[in-house]
C-alpha atoms as a PDB file:
ATOM      1  CA  MET A   1       0.000   0.000   0.000  1.00  0.00           C
ATOM      2  CA  THR A   2       2.776   2.435   0.828  1.00  0.00           C
ATOM      3  CA  SER A   3       4.489   1.895  -2.539  1.00  0.00           C
ATOM      4  CA  ILE A   4       1.278   2.618  -4.424  1.00  0.00           C
ATOM      5  CA  SER A   5       0.610   5.665  -2.242  1.00  0.00           C
ATOM      6  CA  ARG A   6       4.138   6.964  -2.827  1.00  0.00           C
ATOM      7  CA  LEU A   7       3.735   6.526  -6.580  1.00  0.00           C
ATOM      8  CA  ALA A   8       0.363   8.286  -6.420  1.00  0.00           C
ATOM      9  CA  ALA A   9       1.938  11.162  -4.473  1.00  0.00           C
ATOM     10  CA  PHE A  10       4.686  11.501  -7.086  1.00  0.00           C
ATOM     11  CA  VAL A  11       2.164  11.512  -9.956  1.00  0.00           C
ATOM     12  CA  LEU A  12      -0.064  14.014  -8.141  1.00  0.00           C
ATOM     13  CA  LEU A  13       2.925  16.266  -7.474  1.00  0.00           C
ATOM     14  CA  ALA A  14       3.823  16.187 -11.178  1.00  0.00           C
ATOM     15  CA  LEU A  15       0.235  16.981 -12.197  1.00  0.00           C
ATOM     16  CA  ILE A  16      -0.048  19.794  -9.658  1.00  0.00           C
ATOM     17  CA  THR A  17       3.256  21.265 -10.835  1.00  0.00           C
ATOM     18  CA  PHE A  18       2.129  21.113 -14.470  1.00  0.00           C
ATOM     19  CA  ALA A  19      -1.255  22.654 -13.713  1.00  0.00           C
ATOM     20  CA  THR A  20       0.324  25.395 -11.597  1.00  0.00           C
ATOM     21  CA  LEU A  21       3.157  26.426 -13.904  1.00  0.00           C
ATOM     22  CA  SER A  22       1.822  25.688 -17.391  1.00  0.00           C
ATOM     23  CA  PRO A  23       0.197  28.401 -19.511  1.00  0.00           C
ATOM     24  CA  ILE A  24      -3.335  29.022 -18.310  1.00  0.00           C
ATOM     25  CA  GLU A  25      -4.897  27.732 -21.543  1.00  0.00           C
ATOM     26  CA  LEU A  26      -3.124  24.357 -21.126  1.00  0.00           C
ATOM     27  CA  ARG A  27      -4.285  23.939 -17.541  1.00  0.00           C
ATOM     28  CA  PRO A  28      -7.141  21.476 -17.100  1.00  0.00           C
ATOM     29  CA  HIS A  29     -10.416  23.067 -15.990  1.00  0.00           C
ATOM     30  CA  LEU A  30     -12.800  20.873 -14.035  1.00  0.00           C
ATOM     31  CA  SER A  31     -14.680  23.144 -11.662  1.00  0.00           C
ATOM     32  CA  ASP A  32     -14.236  26.273  -9.603  1.00  0.00           C
ATOM     33  CA  PRO A  33     -10.478  27.012  -9.384  1.00  0.00           C
ATOM     34  CA  ASN A  34     -10.527  26.989  -5.570  1.00  0.00           C
ATOM     35  CA  MET A  35     -12.247  23.594  -5.552  1.00  0.00           C
ATOM     36  CA  GLU A  36      -9.680  22.258  -8.039  1.00  0.00           C
ATOM     37  CA  ARG A  37      -6.795  23.530  -5.915  1.00  0.00           C
ATOM     38  CA  ALA A  38      -8.246  22.146  -2.710  1.00  0.00           C
ATOM     39  CA  LEU A  39      -9.045  18.731  -4.185  1.00  0.00           C
ATOM     40  CA  ALA A  40      -5.588  18.385  -5.734  1.00  0.00           C
ATOM     41  CA  TYR A  41      -3.812  19.176  -2.469  1.00  0.00           C
ATOM     42  CA  ILE A  42      -6.182  17.046  -0.366  1.00  0.00           C
ATOM     43  CA  LEU A  43      -5.344  14.097  -2.605  1.00  0.00           C
ATOM     44  CA  LEU A  44      -1.618  14.905  -2.421  1.00  0.00           C
ATOM     45  CA  GLY A  45      -1.756  15.113   1.376  1.00  0.00           C
ATOM     46  CA  LEU A  46      -3.719  11.866   1.580  1.00  0.00           C
ATOM     47  CA  ALA A  47      -1.266  10.036  -0.685  1.00  0.00           C
ATOM     48  CA  LEU A  48       1.706  11.352   1.288  1.00  0.00           C
ATOM     49  CA  ALA A  49       0.127  10.382   4.619  1.00  0.00           C
ATOM     50  CA  LEU A  50      -0.522   6.845   3.398  1.00  0.00           C
ATOM     51  CA  GLY A  51       2.849   6.589   1.674  1.00  0.00           C
ATOM     52  CA  PHE A  52       4.904   7.897   4.583  1.00  0.00           C
ATOM     53  CA  PRO A  53       2.870   6.981   7.685  1.00  0.00           C
ATOM     54  CA  SER A  54       5.702   7.490  10.169  1.00  0.00           C
ATOM     55  CA  ARG A  55       6.740  10.899   8.830  1.00  0.00           C
ATOM     56  CA  VAL A  56       3.824  13.152   9.686  1.00  0.00           C
ATOM     57  CA  THR A  57       5.869  16.274  10.400  1.00  0.00           C
ATOM     58  CA  GLN A  58       7.886  15.907   7.213  1.00  0.00           C
ATOM     59  CA  THR A  59       4.775  15.422   5.082  1.00  0.00           C
ATOM     60  CA  VAL A  60       3.144  18.529   6.568  1.00  0.00           C
ATOM     61  CA  LEU A  61       6.287  20.566   5.927  1.00  0.00           C
ATOM     62  CA  PHE A  62       6.595  19.147   2.412  1.00  0.00           C
ATOM     63  CA  VAL A  63       3.002  19.969   1.443  1.00  0.00           C
ATOM     64  CA  CYS A  64       3.336  23.508   2.807  1.00  0.00           C
ATOM     65  CA  ALA A  65       6.678  23.998   1.042  1.00  0.00           C
ATOM     66  CA  VAL A  66       5.293  22.731  -2.273  1.00  0.00           C
ATOM     67  CA  ALA A  67       2.298  25.057  -2.001  1.00  0.00           C
ATOM     68  CA  GLY A  68       4.512  28.038  -1.203  1.00  0.00           C
ATOM     69  CA  VAL A  69       7.225  27.358  -3.776  1.00  0.00           C
ATOM     70  CA  LEU A  70       4.789  26.701  -6.617  1.00  0.00           C
ATOM     71  CA  GLU A  71       2.880  29.848  -5.741  1.00  0.00           C
ATOM     72  CA  VAL A  72       6.087  31.937  -5.758  1.00  0.00           C
ATOM     73  CA  LEU A  73       7.195  30.399  -9.073  1.00  0.00           C
ATOM     74  CA  GLN A  74       4.038  31.801 -10.646  1.00  0.00           C
ATOM     75  CA  LEU A  75       5.559  35.262 -10.188  1.00  0.00           C
ATOM     76  CA  PHE A  76       7.956  34.450 -13.028  1.00  0.00           C
ATOM     77  CA  ASP A  77       5.208  33.543 -15.501  1.00  0.00           C
ATOM     78  CA  PRO A  78       3.567  36.657 -16.950  1.00  0.00           C
ATOM     79  CA  GLY A  79       0.348  34.767 -17.680  1.00  0.00           C
ATOM     80  CA  ARG A  80      -0.083  33.601 -14.092  1.00  0.00           C
ATOM     81  CA  HIS A  81      -0.607  35.289 -10.749  1.00  0.00           C
ATOM     82  CA  ALA A  82       0.677  34.419  -7.309  1.00  0.00           C
ATOM     83  CA  ARG A  83      -1.583  35.091  -4.355  1.00  0.00           C
ATOM     84  CA  VAL A  84      -0.920  34.464  -0.690  1.00  0.00           C
ATOM     85  CA  VAL A  85      -4.528  33.336  -0.212  1.00  0.00           C
ATOM     86  CA  ASP A  86      -4.117  30.677  -2.919  1.00  0.00           C
ATOM     87  CA  GLY A  87      -0.948  29.386  -1.265  1.00  0.00           C
ATOM     88  CA  LEU A  88      -2.642  29.245   2.125  1.00  0.00           C
ATOM     89  CA  LEU A  89      -5.633  27.401   0.654  1.00  0.00           C
ATOM     90  CA  LYS A  90      -3.324  24.850  -0.958  1.00  0.00           C
ATOM     91  CA  ALA A  91      -1.323  24.336   2.244  1.00  0.00           C
ATOM     92  CA  ALA A  92      -4.482  23.989   4.357  1.00  0.00           C
ATOM     93  CA  ALA A  93      -5.985  21.507   1.898  1.00  0.00           C
ATOM     94  CA  GLY A  94      -2.772  19.472   1.907  1.00  0.00           C
ATOM     95  CA  ILE A  95      -2.801  19.365   5.697  1.00  0.00           C
ATOM     96  CA  ALA A  96      -6.471  18.333   5.623  1.00  0.00           C
ATOM     97  CA  GLY A  97      -5.498  15.475   3.308  1.00  0.00           C
ATOM     98  CA  ILE A  98      -2.778  14.403   5.737  1.00  0.00           C
ATOM     99  CA  VAL A  99      -5.262  14.469   8.630  1.00  0.00           C
ATOM    100  CA  LEU A 100      -7.664  12.382   6.544  1.00  0.00           C
ATOM    101  CA  GLY A 101      -4.838   9.946   5.840  1.00  0.00           C
ATOM    102  CA  ARG A 102      -4.053   9.650   9.549  1.00  0.00           C
ATOM    103  CA  PHE A 103      -7.732   8.808  10.204  1.00  0.00           C
ATOM    104  CA  VAL A 104      -7.623   6.121   7.511  1.00  0.00           C
ATOM    105  CA  ILE A 105      -4.462   4.648   9.052  1.00  0.00           C
ATOM    106  CA  ALA A 106      -6.003   4.679  12.543  1.00  0.00           C
ATOM    107  CA  LEU A 107      -9.212   3.026  11.318  1.00  0.00           C
ATOM    108  CA  ALA A 108      -7.280   0.368   9.410  1.00  0.00           C
ATOM    109  CA  SER A 109      -5.120  -0.298  12.456  1.00  0.00           C
ATOM    110  CA  ARG A 110      -8.164  -0.714  14.707  1.00  0.00           C
ATOM    111  CA  ALA A 111      -9.841  -3.001  12.199  1.00  0.00           C
ATOM    112  CA  ALA A 112      -6.695  -5.144  12.005  1.00  0.00           C
ATOM    113  CA  GLU A 113      -6.542  -5.399  15.815  1.00  0.00           C
ATOM    114  CA  ARG A 114     -10.115  -6.700  15.991  1.00  0.00           C
ATOM    115  CA  ARG A 115      -9.344  -9.636  13.708  1.00  0.00           C
END
């Protein structure tokens, strides 16, 4: 499970990086931009939490760093904009995904103990 989760986290990170730094017309549009951002980072946080279950602090720091760095890199693309609020939303969504992952791990652990 951890190998699949780590691979999923890597793929999600690549997709998020592409969507964040590519020209706006190449970026996939699914829904409201804030919903897209939040969903992407929730999934990234979840995959990281499941892929690295013993490294909670590092995954939180990583998600926050990715959100901040990708937001700052948008300053160098004239077709994009960098906003603090967007970075905070991404970081918060990533942390929410990690919390969700910790709940999944706890539930799976309890279910395994009952068997």
